[in-house]
N, C-alpha and C. Protein backbone atom coordinates (compact mmCIF):
# COMPACT_ATOMS: atom_id res chain seq x y z
N MET A 1 5.07 -16.76 -6.53
CA MET A 1 5.33 -15.53 -5.76
C MET A 1 6.51 -15.29 -5.61
N SER A 2 7.41 -14.23 -5.85
CA SER A 2 8.69 -14.13 -5.70
C SER A 2 9.52 -14.30 -4.60
N SER A 3 10.62 -14.92 -4.32
CA SER A 3 11.17 -15.11 -3.19
C SER A 3 11.83 -13.99 -2.77
N ALA A 4 12.27 -13.02 -3.72
CA ALA A 4 12.88 -11.81 -3.16
C ALA A 4 12.55 -11.06 -2.29
N LEU A 5 13.27 -10.50 -1.01
CA LEU A 5 12.49 -9.90 -0.23
C LEU A 5 13.30 -8.55 -0.30
N PRO A 6 13.42 -7.50 0.26
CA PRO A 6 12.11 -6.70 0.31
C PRO A 6 11.39 -6.94 -0.85
N ARG A 7 9.93 -6.73 -0.55
CA ARG A 7 9.02 -6.70 -2.33
C ARG A 7 7.66 -6.19 -1.63
N LEU A 8 7.41 -5.15 -2.59
CA LEU A 8 5.62 -4.65 -2.51
C LEU A 8 5.21 -5.40 -2.58
N ARG A 9 4.15 -5.25 -1.29
CA ARG A 9 2.83 -6.54 -1.66
C ARG A 9 2.15 -5.96 -1.74
N GLN A 10 1.39 -4.76 -1.42
CA GLN A 10 -0.22 -3.99 -1.05
C GLN A 10 -0.08 -2.46 -1.40
N ALA A 11 -0.60 -2.12 -2.08
CA ALA A 11 -0.90 -0.30 -2.03
C ALA A 11 -2.39 -0.31 -1.72
N VAL A 12 -2.04 1.03 -1.13
CA VAL A 12 -4.04 1.20 -0.62
C VAL A 12 -4.06 2.62 -1.10
N LEU A 13 -5.48 3.32 -1.42
CA LEU A 13 -5.85 4.62 -1.95
C LEU A 13 -6.93 4.58 -0.76
N ALA A 14 -7.32 5.92 -0.46
CA ALA A 14 -8.06 6.37 0.19
C ALA A 14 -9.42 7.06 -0.67
N ALA A 15 -10.69 6.87 -0.24
CA ALA A 15 -11.55 7.59 -1.14
C ALA A 15 -12.97 7.94 -0.34
N ARG A 16 -13.45 8.82 -0.29
CA ARG A 16 -14.38 9.39 0.31
C ARG A 16 -15.43 8.43 0.07
N GLN A 17 -16.06 7.96 -0.91
CA GLN A 17 -17.10 6.93 -1.29
C GLN A 17 -16.60 5.39 -1.89
N LEU A 18 -16.37 4.50 -0.86
CA LEU A 18 -15.69 3.52 -1.11
C LEU A 18 -16.08 2.60 -2.25
N GLU A 19 -17.47 1.99 -2.76
CA GLU A 19 -18.14 1.56 -3.53
C GLU A 19 -17.99 1.88 -5.23
N PRO A 20 -17.97 2.93 -5.33
CA PRO A 20 -17.63 3.59 -6.65
C PRO A 20 -16.12 3.40 -6.93
N VAL A 21 -15.57 3.77 -6.12
CA VAL A 21 -13.99 3.62 -6.61
C VAL A 21 -13.56 1.79 -6.71
N ALA A 22 -14.27 1.29 -5.53
CA ALA A 22 -14.34 -0.07 -6.10
C ALA A 22 -14.60 -0.53 -6.86
N GLU A 23 -15.56 -0.68 -7.57
CA GLU A 23 -16.49 -0.79 -8.92
C GLU A 23 -15.87 -0.47 -10.11
N ARG A 24 -15.19 0.81 -10.09
CA ARG A 24 -14.66 1.00 -11.35
C ARG A 24 -12.88 0.14 -11.31
N LEU A 25 -12.70 -0.01 -10.05
CA LEU A 25 -11.53 -0.43 -9.99
C LEU A 25 -11.74 -2.23 -11.00
N ARG A 26 -12.94 -2.55 -10.16
CA ARG A 26 -12.81 -3.81 -10.67
C ARG A 26 -13.43 -4.26 -12.01
N ALA A 27 -14.55 -3.44 -12.90
CA ALA A 27 -14.56 -2.95 -13.76
C ALA A 27 -13.30 -3.45 -14.92
N GLU A 28 -12.73 -1.97 -13.98
CA GLU A 28 -11.19 -1.42 -15.43
C GLU A 28 -10.40 -2.57 -15.47
N LEU A 29 -10.16 -3.25 -15.06
CA LEU A 29 -8.95 -3.64 -14.57
C LEU A 29 -9.52 -6.04 -14.42
N GLY A 30 -10.87 -5.87 -14.65
CA GLY A 30 -11.08 -7.22 -14.55
C GLY A 30 -10.88 -8.09 -13.64
N LEU A 31 -11.17 -7.42 -12.40
CA LEU A 31 -11.00 -8.23 -10.89
C LEU A 31 -12.02 -8.75 -10.55
N GLU A 32 -11.69 -9.87 -9.55
CA GLU A 32 -12.84 -10.48 -8.91
C GLU A 32 -13.11 -9.69 -7.65
N GLU A 33 -14.00 -10.88 -6.93
CA GLU A 33 -14.79 -9.67 -5.75
C GLU A 33 -13.18 -9.49 -4.91
N PRO A 34 -13.79 -8.48 -4.23
CA PRO A 34 -13.04 -7.70 -3.00
C PRO A 34 -13.60 -8.42 -2.05
N TYR A 35 -11.92 -8.16 -0.78
CA TYR A 35 -12.67 -8.81 0.16
C TYR A 35 -13.40 -7.45 1.35
N GLY A 36 -14.16 -7.88 1.94
CA GLY A 36 -13.98 -6.29 3.39
C GLY A 36 -13.77 -7.05 4.11
N ASP A 37 -12.61 -6.28 4.65
CA ASP A 37 -12.00 -6.42 6.18
C ASP A 37 -12.89 -6.19 7.62
N PRO A 38 -13.52 -6.81 8.35
CA PRO A 38 -14.16 -6.00 9.29
C PRO A 38 -12.68 -5.52 10.11
N GLY A 39 -12.12 -6.20 10.27
CA GLY A 39 -10.84 -5.21 11.51
C GLY A 39 -10.31 -4.17 10.99
N VAL A 40 -10.56 -3.39 9.74
CA VAL A 40 -10.32 -2.16 9.91
C VAL A 40 -11.21 -0.96 10.30
N GLU A 41 -12.33 -1.65 10.63
CA GLU A 41 -13.49 -0.98 11.74
C GLU A 41 -12.19 -0.13 12.58
N TYR A 42 -11.73 -0.95 13.15
CA TYR A 42 -10.53 -0.12 14.51
C TYR A 42 -10.35 1.28 14.21
N PHE A 43 -9.67 0.98 12.72
CA PHE A 43 -9.24 1.91 12.29
C PHE A 43 -10.13 3.69 11.63
N GLY A 44 -11.90 3.04 11.85
CA GLY A 44 -12.99 3.91 11.72
C GLY A 44 -13.04 3.97 10.05
N LEU A 45 -12.43 2.83 9.54
CA LEU A 45 -12.62 2.83 8.24
C LEU A 45 -13.32 1.29 7.65
N HIS A 46 -13.55 0.88 6.32
CA HIS A 46 -14.65 -0.03 5.17
C HIS A 46 -13.62 -0.02 4.53
N ASN A 47 -13.34 -1.26 3.90
CA ASN A 47 -12.16 -1.21 2.97
C ASN A 47 -13.00 -2.54 2.01
N ALA A 48 -12.02 -2.13 0.58
CA ALA A 48 -12.30 -3.48 -0.48
C ALA A 48 -10.73 -3.81 -0.70
N VAL A 49 -10.69 -5.27 -0.84
CA VAL A 49 -8.92 -5.45 -0.99
C VAL A 49 -9.46 -6.48 -2.18
N PHE A 50 -8.73 -6.25 -3.19
CA PHE A 50 -8.84 -6.96 -4.44
C PHE A 50 -7.15 -7.83 -4.58
N ALA A 51 -7.11 -9.06 -4.66
CA ALA A 51 -5.81 -9.68 -5.41
C ALA A 51 -5.89 -10.00 -6.29
N LEU A 52 -4.29 -9.20 -7.39
CA LEU A 52 -3.86 -9.07 -8.11
C LEU A 52 -2.21 -10.30 -8.04
N GLY A 53 -2.67 -11.08 -8.46
CA GLY A 53 -1.57 -12.38 -8.68
C GLY A 53 -1.20 -12.59 -6.90
N ASP A 54 -0.32 -12.30 -6.27
CA ASP A 54 0.11 -12.59 -4.82
C ASP A 54 -0.01 -11.48 -4.67
N THR A 55 -0.20 -10.22 -5.14
CA THR A 55 -0.44 -9.12 -4.63
C THR A 55 -2.07 -7.80 -4.41
N PHE A 56 -1.93 -6.72 -3.49
CA PHE A 56 -3.24 -6.68 -3.41
C PHE A 56 -3.35 -5.18 -3.36
N LEU A 57 -4.53 -4.80 -4.14
CA LEU A 57 -4.85 -3.12 -4.18
C LEU A 57 -6.10 -2.87 -3.19
N GLU A 58 -6.21 -2.09 -1.96
CA GLU A 58 -6.86 -1.91 -1.47
C GLU A 58 -7.39 -0.60 -1.43
N VAL A 59 -8.27 -0.17 -1.45
CA VAL A 59 -9.37 0.92 -0.99
C VAL A 59 -9.56 1.31 0.43
N VAL A 60 -9.96 2.23 1.04
CA VAL A 60 -10.29 2.83 2.44
C VAL A 60 -11.03 3.72 2.21
N SER A 61 -12.01 3.55 3.19
CA SER A 61 -12.97 4.98 3.35
C SER A 61 -13.12 5.03 4.72
N PRO A 62 -13.52 6.67 5.35
CA PRO A 62 -13.74 6.73 6.56
C PRO A 62 -15.25 6.08 6.71
N LEU A 63 -15.45 5.78 8.17
CA LEU A 63 -17.00 5.68 8.55
C LEU A 63 -17.30 6.67 10.00
N ARG A 64 -16.14 7.35 10.03
CA ARG A 64 -16.52 8.07 10.99
C ARG A 64 -15.05 9.48 11.18
N GLU A 65 -15.82 10.50 12.00
CA GLU A 65 -14.64 11.35 11.57
C GLU A 65 -13.41 11.91 12.77
N GLY A 66 -11.89 12.00 12.31
CA GLY A 66 -11.02 11.92 13.20
C GLY A 66 -10.19 10.89 12.08
N THR A 67 -10.24 9.87 11.39
CA THR A 67 -9.40 9.21 10.64
C THR A 67 -8.32 9.29 10.32
N ALA A 68 -6.94 9.10 10.37
CA ALA A 68 -6.06 9.36 9.80
C ALA A 68 -6.54 9.40 8.18
N ALA A 69 -7.29 8.29 7.54
CA ALA A 69 -7.45 8.24 5.91
C ALA A 69 -7.91 9.55 5.48
N GLY A 70 -9.28 9.77 6.97
CA GLY A 70 -10.02 11.03 6.64
C GLY A 70 -9.41 12.64 6.29
N ARG A 71 -8.31 12.54 7.31
CA ARG A 71 -7.27 13.74 7.21
C ARG A 71 -6.74 13.53 6.31
N GLN A 72 -6.25 12.77 5.55
CA GLN A 72 -5.55 12.60 4.50
C GLN A 72 -6.38 13.27 3.10
N LEU A 73 -7.28 12.96 3.28
CA LEU A 73 -8.58 13.32 2.40
C LEU A 73 -8.51 14.79 2.14
N ASP A 74 -9.01 15.16 3.38
CA ASP A 74 -9.31 16.71 3.81
C ASP A 74 -7.81 17.29 3.26
N ARG A 75 -6.96 17.27 3.42
CA ARG A 75 -5.46 18.08 3.11
C ARG A 75 -5.33 17.77 1.24
N ARG A 76 -5.87 16.52 0.57
CA ARG A 76 -5.48 16.46 -0.66
C ARG A 76 -7.15 16.92 -1.33
N GLY A 77 -7.91 17.33 -0.28
CA GLY A 77 -9.17 17.68 -1.57
C GLY A 77 -9.79 16.79 -2.56
N GLU A 78 -9.30 15.29 -2.27
CA GLU A 78 -9.61 14.48 -3.18
C GLU A 78 -9.14 13.39 -2.99
N ASP A 79 -9.80 12.36 -3.43
CA ASP A 79 -9.26 10.48 -3.36
C ASP A 79 -7.87 10.85 -3.73
N CYS A 80 -7.23 9.71 -2.93
CA CYS A 80 -5.63 9.76 -3.26
C CYS A 80 -5.12 8.25 -2.60
N GLY A 81 -3.59 8.38 -2.84
CA GLY A 81 -2.86 7.67 -2.01
C GLY A 81 -2.71 7.65 -1.19
N TYR A 82 -2.56 6.36 -0.50
CA TYR A 82 -2.48 6.66 1.33
C TYR A 82 -1.44 5.31 1.57
N MET A 83 -1.69 4.19 1.56
CA MET A 83 -0.23 3.64 2.34
C MET A 83 0.31 3.12 1.13
N VAL A 84 1.69 2.06 1.68
CA VAL A 84 2.19 0.97 0.95
C VAL A 84 2.68 0.08 1.75
N MET A 85 2.83 -1.23 1.53
CA MET A 85 3.21 -1.99 2.21
C MET A 85 3.96 -3.38 1.56
N ALA A 86 5.13 -3.25 2.49
CA ALA A 86 5.99 -4.03 2.11
C ALA A 86 6.49 -5.01 2.80
N GLN A 87 6.38 -6.65 2.28
CA GLN A 87 6.88 -7.77 3.04
C GLN A 87 8.58 -7.84 3.13
N VAL A 88 8.62 -8.02 4.36
CA VAL A 88 9.97 -8.08 4.62
C VAL A 88 10.60 -9.23 4.95
N GLU A 89 11.90 -9.61 5.48
CA GLU A 89 12.48 -10.75 5.98
C GLU A 89 11.93 -11.08 7.28
N ASP A 90 12.88 -9.67 7.93
CA ASP A 90 13.08 -9.58 9.14
C ASP A 90 12.75 -8.51 9.82
N LEU A 91 11.12 -8.53 10.64
CA LEU A 91 10.63 -7.51 10.94
C LEU A 91 11.43 -6.75 12.13
N ALA A 92 11.80 -7.52 12.92
CA ALA A 92 12.04 -7.25 14.17
C ALA A 92 13.57 -6.29 13.72
N GLY A 93 14.30 -6.77 13.03
CA GLY A 93 15.36 -6.00 12.46
C GLY A 93 14.77 -4.65 11.60
N ALA A 94 14.01 -4.65 11.16
CA ALA A 94 13.61 -3.06 10.57
C ALA A 94 13.52 -1.88 11.75
N ARG A 95 12.43 -3.01 12.85
CA ARG A 95 11.91 -1.73 13.60
C ARG A 95 12.86 -1.11 14.32
N GLU A 96 14.11 -2.14 14.44
CA GLU A 96 15.57 -1.49 15.56
C GLU A 96 16.21 -0.68 14.59
N ARG A 97 16.35 -0.61 13.59
CA ARG A 97 16.71 0.21 12.58
C ARG A 97 16.18 1.12 12.63
N ALA A 98 14.82 1.50 12.53
CA ALA A 98 13.78 2.71 12.39
C ALA A 98 14.06 3.63 13.76
N ARG A 99 14.50 2.97 14.65
CA ARG A 99 14.20 3.29 16.24
C ARG A 99 15.42 4.63 16.47
N PRO A 100 16.57 4.27 15.71
CA PRO A 100 17.59 5.12 15.91
C PRO A 100 16.80 6.89 15.09
N LEU A 101 16.63 6.32 13.93
CA LEU A 101 16.01 7.32 13.16
C LEU A 101 15.01 8.65 13.72
N GLY A 102 14.14 8.07 15.12
CA GLY A 102 13.26 9.17 15.29
C GLY A 102 11.87 8.22 14.24
N ILE A 103 12.12 7.18 13.87
CA ILE A 103 10.75 7.08 13.15
C ILE A 103 9.62 6.28 13.90
N ARG A 104 8.49 6.71 14.06
CA ARG A 104 7.41 6.42 14.84
C ARG A 104 6.81 5.49 14.63
N GLU A 105 6.39 4.17 15.35
CA GLU A 105 5.31 3.28 14.68
C GLU A 105 4.20 3.97 15.03
N VAL A 106 3.19 3.75 14.13
CA VAL A 106 1.71 4.43 14.69
C VAL A 106 0.60 3.19 14.88
N PHE A 107 1.14 1.98 14.36
CA PHE A 107 0.44 0.79 14.50
C PHE A 107 1.38 -0.50 14.83
N GLU A 108 0.94 -1.30 15.64
CA GLU A 108 1.89 -2.82 15.50
C GLU A 108 0.49 -3.71 16.14
N VAL A 109 0.68 -4.68 15.05
CA VAL A 109 0.40 -6.31 15.50
C VAL A 109 1.19 -7.21 15.33
N ALA A 110 0.38 -8.39 16.54
CA ALA A 110 1.61 -9.68 15.99
C ALA A 110 0.86 -10.72 16.40
N LEU A 111 0.32 -11.58 15.05
CA LEU A 111 -0.52 -12.60 15.16
C LEU A 111 0.21 -14.02 14.61
N ASP A 112 -0.68 -14.66 14.97
CA ASP A 112 -0.18 -16.33 14.28
C ASP A 112 0.68 -16.23 13.16
N ASP A 113 -0.61 -15.46 11.73
CA ASP A 113 0.13 -15.77 10.96
C ASP A 113 0.95 -14.37 10.12
N ILE A 114 0.85 -13.68 11.05
CA ILE A 114 1.70 -12.35 10.79
C ILE A 114 2.24 -11.28 11.59
N ALA A 115 3.10 -10.54 11.55
CA ALA A 115 3.20 -9.60 12.37
C ALA A 115 3.43 -8.42 11.32
N GLU A 116 3.28 -7.28 12.22
CA GLU A 116 3.39 -6.14 11.14
C GLU A 116 3.15 -4.89 12.09
N VAL A 117 4.26 -3.67 10.97
CA VAL A 117 4.04 -2.12 11.83
C VAL A 117 3.78 -1.39 10.93
N HIS A 118 2.82 0.25 11.08
CA HIS A 118 2.50 0.82 10.21
C HIS A 118 3.88 2.16 10.92
N LEU A 119 4.37 2.84 10.05
CA LEU A 119 5.31 3.73 10.33
C LEU A 119 4.87 4.96 10.20
N HIS A 120 4.51 6.44 10.63
CA HIS A 120 4.55 7.28 10.75
C HIS A 120 4.68 8.11 9.24
N PRO A 121 4.27 8.56 8.46
CA PRO A 121 4.65 9.04 6.80
C PRO A 121 5.43 10.40 7.28
N ALA A 122 4.92 11.06 8.38
CA ALA A 122 5.81 12.60 8.71
C ALA A 122 7.25 12.09 9.23
N ASP A 123 7.52 10.79 9.27
CA ASP A 123 8.98 10.35 9.81
C ASP A 123 9.95 9.53 8.66
N ILE A 124 9.05 8.79 8.14
CA ILE A 124 9.57 7.86 7.01
C ILE A 124 9.52 8.49 5.70
N GLY A 125 8.76 9.70 5.61
CA GLY A 125 8.26 10.31 3.70
C GLY A 125 7.76 9.33 3.33
N GLY A 126 6.68 10.24 2.42
CA GLY A 126 6.28 9.68 0.95
C GLY A 126 4.09 9.11 1.40
N ALA A 127 4.07 8.46 2.49
CA ALA A 127 2.81 7.73 2.62
C ALA A 127 3.32 6.90 4.17
N ILE A 128 1.97 6.30 4.51
CA ILE A 128 2.30 5.72 5.62
C ILE A 128 3.40 4.62 5.54
N VAL A 129 3.93 3.56 5.92
CA VAL A 129 4.63 2.63 5.41
C VAL A 129 4.69 1.70 6.31
N SER A 130 4.26 0.42 5.85
CA SER A 130 3.72 -0.83 6.54
C SER A 130 4.46 -1.86 6.38
N LEU A 131 4.91 -2.16 6.82
CA LEU A 131 6.40 -3.32 7.31
C LEU A 131 5.64 -4.43 7.92
N SER A 132 5.25 -5.85 6.86
CA SER A 132 5.05 -6.94 7.38
C SER A 132 6.02 -8.30 7.10
N GLU A 133 5.71 -9.06 8.04
CA GLU A 133 6.73 -10.50 8.11
C GLU A 133 5.44 -11.68 8.23
N PRO A 134 4.46 -12.03 7.30
CA PRO A 134 3.63 -12.99 6.91
C PRO A 134 4.66 -14.22 7.13
N ARG A 135 3.83 -15.04 7.96
CA ARG A 135 3.93 -16.90 8.14
C ARG A 135 2.62 -17.60 7.71
N PRO A 136 3.26 -18.39 6.48
CA PRO A 136 4.55 -18.71 6.11
C PRO A 136 4.51 -16.88 5.27
N PRO A 137 6.13 -17.16 4.38
CA PRO A 137 6.10 -15.96 3.39
C PRO A 137 4.92 -15.51 2.08
N GLY A 138 4.32 -16.94 2.17
CA GLY A 138 3.58 -16.99 0.42
C GLY A 138 2.03 -16.13 1.21
N SER A 139 1.84 -16.07 2.57
CA SER A 139 0.49 -16.11 2.93
C SER A 139 -0.18 -14.56 2.63
N TRP A 140 -1.15 -13.95 2.94
CA TRP A 140 -1.43 -12.63 3.42
C TRP A 140 -2.83 -12.51 3.84
N ARG A 141 -3.10 -12.57 4.93
CA ARG A 141 -4.42 -12.54 6.25
C ARG A 141 -5.15 -11.17 5.54
N TRP A 142 -4.62 -10.06 5.49
CA TRP A 142 -5.30 -9.13 4.48
C TRP A 142 -5.76 -9.38 3.38
N GLY A 143 -5.25 -10.42 2.52
CA GLY A 143 -5.99 -10.58 1.44
C GLY A 143 -7.83 -11.58 1.60
N GLY A 144 -7.76 -11.92 2.90
CA GLY A 144 -8.86 -12.36 3.23
C GLY A 144 -9.12 -14.08 3.03
N PRO A 145 -10.19 -14.63 3.27
CA PRO A 145 -9.89 -16.17 2.95
C PRO A 145 -9.76 -16.67 1.51
N GLU A 146 -9.21 -17.47 1.10
CA GLU A 146 -9.14 -17.96 0.12
C GLU A 146 -8.53 -16.92 -0.78
N TRP A 147 -7.71 -16.32 -1.22
CA TRP A 147 -7.75 -14.91 -1.50
C TRP A 147 -7.23 -15.45 -3.14
N GLU A 148 -6.62 -16.85 -3.25
CA GLU A 148 -6.32 -17.07 -4.53
C GLU A 148 -6.85 -17.00 -5.11
N ARG A 149 -8.16 -18.08 -4.86
CA ARG A 149 -9.66 -17.77 -5.68
C ARG A 149 -9.87 -16.96 -6.37
N ARG A 150 -9.69 -15.86 -5.91
CA ARG A 150 -10.59 -14.56 -6.33
C ARG A 150 -9.38 -13.33 -7.05
N SER A 151 -7.73 -14.25 -7.45
CA SER A 151 -7.17 -13.47 -7.80
C SER A 151 -6.90 -12.97 -9.37
N ALA A 152 -6.79 -12.13 -9.88
CA ALA A 152 -6.87 -12.11 -10.90
C ALA A 152 -5.65 -11.78 -11.49
N PRO A 153 -5.14 -11.90 -12.94
CA PRO A 153 -4.00 -12.86 -13.67
C PRO A 153 -3.25 -11.49 -13.47
N LEU A 154 -3.24 -10.56 -12.59
CA LEU A 154 -1.96 -9.14 -12.76
C LEU A 154 -1.03 -9.41 -11.64
N ARG A 155 -0.46 -8.21 -11.44
CA ARG A 155 0.07 -7.83 -10.06
C ARG A 155 0.95 -6.42 -10.36
N ILE A 156 1.00 -5.96 -9.40
CA ILE A 156 1.62 -4.75 -8.65
C ILE A 156 2.99 -4.91 -8.56
N ALA A 157 3.43 -3.99 -9.52
CA ALA A 157 5.12 -4.08 -9.92
C ALA A 157 5.92 -2.99 -9.56
N GLY A 158 4.84 -1.95 -9.06
CA GLY A 158 5.48 -1.47 -8.53
C GLY A 158 4.70 0.23 -8.09
N ALA A 159 5.35 1.46 -7.66
CA ALA A 159 4.86 2.43 -7.00
C ALA A 159 5.56 3.58 -6.76
N THR A 160 5.13 4.83 -7.57
CA THR A 160 5.74 6.44 -7.42
C THR A 160 5.47 7.13 -6.60
N LEU A 161 6.09 7.85 -5.61
CA LEU A 161 5.77 8.30 -4.95
C LEU A 161 6.78 10.03 -4.52
N ALA A 162 5.39 11.06 -4.82
CA ALA A 162 6.02 12.54 -4.72
C ALA A 162 6.16 12.91 -3.69
N VAL A 163 7.44 13.07 -3.30
CA VAL A 163 8.09 13.96 -2.00
C VAL A 163 9.15 14.81 -1.97
N ARG A 164 9.01 15.60 -1.17
CA ARG A 164 9.81 16.98 -1.46
C ARG A 164 11.31 16.82 -1.45
N ASP A 165 11.93 15.66 -1.03
CA ASP A 165 13.65 15.12 -0.92
C ASP A 165 13.35 14.06 -1.54
N ALA A 166 13.35 13.55 -2.47
CA ALA A 166 13.52 12.34 -3.32
C ALA A 166 14.85 11.12 -2.56
N ARG A 167 16.12 11.68 -2.90
CA ARG A 167 17.06 11.02 -2.18
C ARG A 167 16.65 10.85 -0.87
N GLY A 168 16.46 11.94 -0.32
CA GLY A 168 16.79 11.57 1.37
C GLY A 168 15.88 10.59 1.60
N VAL A 169 14.60 10.52 1.18
CA VAL A 169 13.57 9.65 1.47
C VAL A 169 13.93 8.03 0.93
N ALA A 170 14.32 8.22 0.14
CA ALA A 170 14.57 7.06 -1.24
C ALA A 170 16.08 6.28 -0.05
N ALA A 171 16.76 7.18 0.64
CA ALA A 171 17.72 6.49 1.16
C ALA A 171 17.16 6.31 2.71
N ARG A 172 16.34 6.92 3.39
CA ARG A 172 15.65 6.92 4.70
C ARG A 172 14.80 4.81 4.51
N TRP A 173 13.92 4.84 3.55
CA TRP A 173 12.92 3.79 3.24
C TRP A 173 14.31 2.29 3.10
N GLN A 174 15.33 2.48 2.39
CA GLN A 174 16.10 1.52 2.15
C GLN A 174 17.19 1.42 3.32
N GLU A 175 17.52 2.32 4.48
CA GLU A 175 17.76 1.91 6.03
C GLU A 175 16.99 1.14 6.35
N VAL A 176 15.50 1.48 7.16
CA VAL A 176 14.72 1.21 7.42
C VAL A 176 14.03 -0.56 6.94
N ILE A 177 14.51 -0.55 5.64
CA ILE A 177 14.06 -1.94 5.12
C ILE A 177 14.77 -2.68 5.17
N GLY A 178 15.81 -2.15 5.11
CA GLY A 178 16.92 -3.24 4.75
C GLY A 178 17.44 -3.39 3.38
N GLY A 179 17.38 -2.02 2.72
CA GLY A 179 17.61 -2.82 0.94
C GLY A 179 16.19 -1.99 0.03
N ALA A 180 17.05 -1.79 -0.96
CA ALA A 180 15.93 -1.14 -1.45
C ALA A 180 14.56 -2.04 -1.72
N LEU A 181 13.42 -1.04 -2.37
CA LEU A 181 12.07 -1.53 -2.29
C LEU A 181 11.77 -1.85 -3.83
N PRO A 182 11.83 -2.89 -4.57
CA PRO A 182 12.00 -3.11 -5.98
C PRO A 182 11.08 -2.68 -6.58
N GLY A 183 11.34 -1.76 -7.34
CA GLY A 183 9.46 -1.52 -8.24
C GLY A 183 9.30 -0.09 -7.40
N VAL A 184 9.67 0.55 -6.61
CA VAL A 184 9.08 2.04 -5.85
C VAL A 184 10.01 2.97 -6.37
N ARG A 185 9.71 3.90 -6.50
CA ARG A 185 10.68 5.29 -7.15
C ARG A 185 9.97 6.69 -6.52
N PHE A 186 10.60 7.36 -6.01
CA PHE A 186 10.70 8.84 -5.39
C PHE A 186 10.72 9.91 -6.46
N VAL A 187 9.84 10.99 -6.62
CA VAL A 187 10.50 11.98 -7.13
C VAL A 187 10.31 13.13 -6.93
N GLU A 188 10.45 14.21 -6.94
CA GLU A 188 10.84 15.56 -6.59
C GLU A 188 9.14 16.49 -6.29
N ASP A 189 8.58 16.88 -5.49
CA ASP A 189 7.54 17.41 -5.72
C ASP A 189 7.20 18.30 -4.40
N GLU A 190 7.46 19.99 -4.45
CA GLU A 190 7.19 20.80 -3.59
C GLU A 190 5.77 20.79 -2.19
N ALA A 191 4.58 19.77 -2.71
CA ALA A 191 3.72 19.97 -2.29
C ALA A 191 3.54 18.48 -1.52
N ASN A 192 4.75 17.86 -2.01
CA ASN A 192 4.71 16.20 -0.77
C ASN A 192 3.40 15.49 -1.24
N ARG A 193 2.92 14.92 -2.21
CA ARG A 193 1.78 14.73 -2.33
C ARG A 193 1.50 13.11 -2.03
N GLY A 194 2.50 12.55 -1.49
CA GLY A 194 2.32 10.71 -1.56
C GLY A 194 2.48 9.97 -2.30
N LEU A 195 1.92 9.25 -2.49
CA LEU A 195 1.86 8.18 -3.30
C LEU A 195 0.57 8.36 -4.43
N ILE A 196 1.15 8.49 -5.76
CA ILE A 196 0.53 9.37 -6.59
C ILE A 196 0.59 7.92 -8.34
N GLU A 197 1.42 7.17 -7.97
CA GLU A 197 1.07 6.11 -9.04
C GLU A 197 1.05 4.67 -9.02
N ILE A 198 0.60 3.93 -9.78
CA ILE A 198 0.84 2.46 -9.18
C ILE A 198 1.30 1.70 -10.87
N GLU A 199 2.28 0.94 -10.84
CA GLU A 199 2.59 0.12 -11.93
C GLU A 199 2.16 -1.37 -11.88
N ILE A 200 1.14 -1.84 -13.17
CA ILE A 200 0.48 -2.93 -12.68
C ILE A 200 1.08 -3.56 -14.32
N ALA A 201 1.58 -5.16 -13.70
CA ALA A 201 2.09 -6.20 -14.83
C ALA A 201 0.83 -6.86 -15.20
N GLY A 202 1.15 -7.15 -16.56
CA GLY A 202 0.00 -8.37 -17.05
C GLY A 202 -0.89 -7.45 -17.31
N GLY A 203 -1.04 -6.36 -17.84
CA GLY A 203 -2.16 -5.49 -18.21
C GLY A 203 -1.91 -5.36 -20.42
N ASP A 204 -0.73 -6.11 -20.52
CA ASP A 204 -0.77 -6.00 -21.99
C ASP A 204 -0.26 -4.69 -22.65
N GLY A 205 0.04 -3.76 -21.59
CA GLY A 205 0.49 -2.31 -22.32
C GLY A 205 -0.56 -1.68 -22.28
N ARG A 206 -1.43 -1.65 -21.70
CA ARG A 206 -3.10 -0.69 -22.06
C ARG A 206 -2.41 0.68 -22.12
N PRO A 207 -3.32 1.71 -22.33
CA PRO A 207 -2.55 2.99 -22.12
C PRO A 207 -3.09 3.33 -20.43
N PRO A 208 -2.39 4.16 -19.59
CA PRO A 208 -2.60 4.62 -18.22
C PRO A 208 -4.25 5.13 -18.11
N ILE A 209 -4.73 4.74 -16.98
CA ILE A 209 -5.88 5.17 -16.26
C ILE A 209 -5.74 6.15 -14.88
N ASP A 210 -6.60 7.20 -15.23
CA ASP A 210 -6.21 7.70 -13.53
C ASP A 210 -7.50 7.42 -12.87
N LEU A 211 -7.34 7.13 -11.53
CA LEU A 211 -8.47 6.12 -11.06
C LEU A 211 -8.53 6.52 -9.01
N GLY A 212 -9.22 6.71 -8.52
CA GLY A 212 -9.06 7.22 -7.15
C GLY A 212 -8.31 8.00 -6.78
N GLY A 213 -7.69 8.78 -7.72
CA GLY A 213 -6.92 10.03 -7.35
C GLY A 213 -5.08 9.49 -7.62
N LEU A 214 -4.91 8.29 -8.04
CA LEU A 214 -3.82 7.64 -8.36
C LEU A 214 -4.00 7.10 -9.87
N ARG A 215 -2.56 7.60 -10.62
CA ARG A 215 -2.45 6.89 -12.32
C ARG A 215 -2.11 5.53 -11.86
N LEU A 216 -2.84 4.76 -13.00
CA LEU A 216 -2.25 2.96 -12.89
C LEU A 216 -2.24 3.24 -14.46
N VAL A 217 -0.41 2.51 -14.40
CA VAL A 217 -0.09 2.38 -15.46
C VAL A 217 0.36 1.01 -15.81
N PHE A 218 0.21 0.52 -16.95
CA PHE A 218 0.47 -0.94 -17.24
C PHE A 218 1.90 -1.41 -18.26
N ASP A 219 2.11 -2.88 -17.97
CA ASP A 219 3.19 -3.39 -18.49
C ASP A 219 3.09 -4.41 -18.98
N ARG A 220 3.61 -5.16 -19.57
CA ARG A 220 3.08 -6.31 -20.28
C ARG A 220 4.04 -7.58 -19.33
């Protein structure tokens, strides 16, 4: 695991139907069995979390009406990118920096092995942003028990978000997170489409694929 923080740790896409998207991801990328986290039922969702090295790719799907993921799917009219999860060194400091900017927290949790907040996408820009401080830093509760055994020899190396004000959103993310998030970039798009692309390292430079409303691009 890279010791440099902040870092991109997990990317999340939303799908109307969980199983077909999860199975295609598994087949296309050669992934191991995903973890289904029962805790996400709190949000009205079910999920599949795949381990790629010590990073993670998650698919969420609504179980009931009125979920944030369901509303995102309604707005987009198709499966789509949903959340970016960043590991930070000092979560308390990030929260302090976010408050004077008027960035709302839509969820927060403090457990023995991780503390985390989710920031409102309308305030931070681009997507729901999760800021996480796992303890110890190499752990990742959301990957499930013994995720290391299910990890594929890949890594999420970057993400692209389409936003209305790329420069302004990038500056806001950097101010809150406490530095640039390596591999994450912002492109101008008047439709404000959110997370549109994930870069995966270790894919031997294979051609990009479109899956679950995202473009997956591969480097060596």
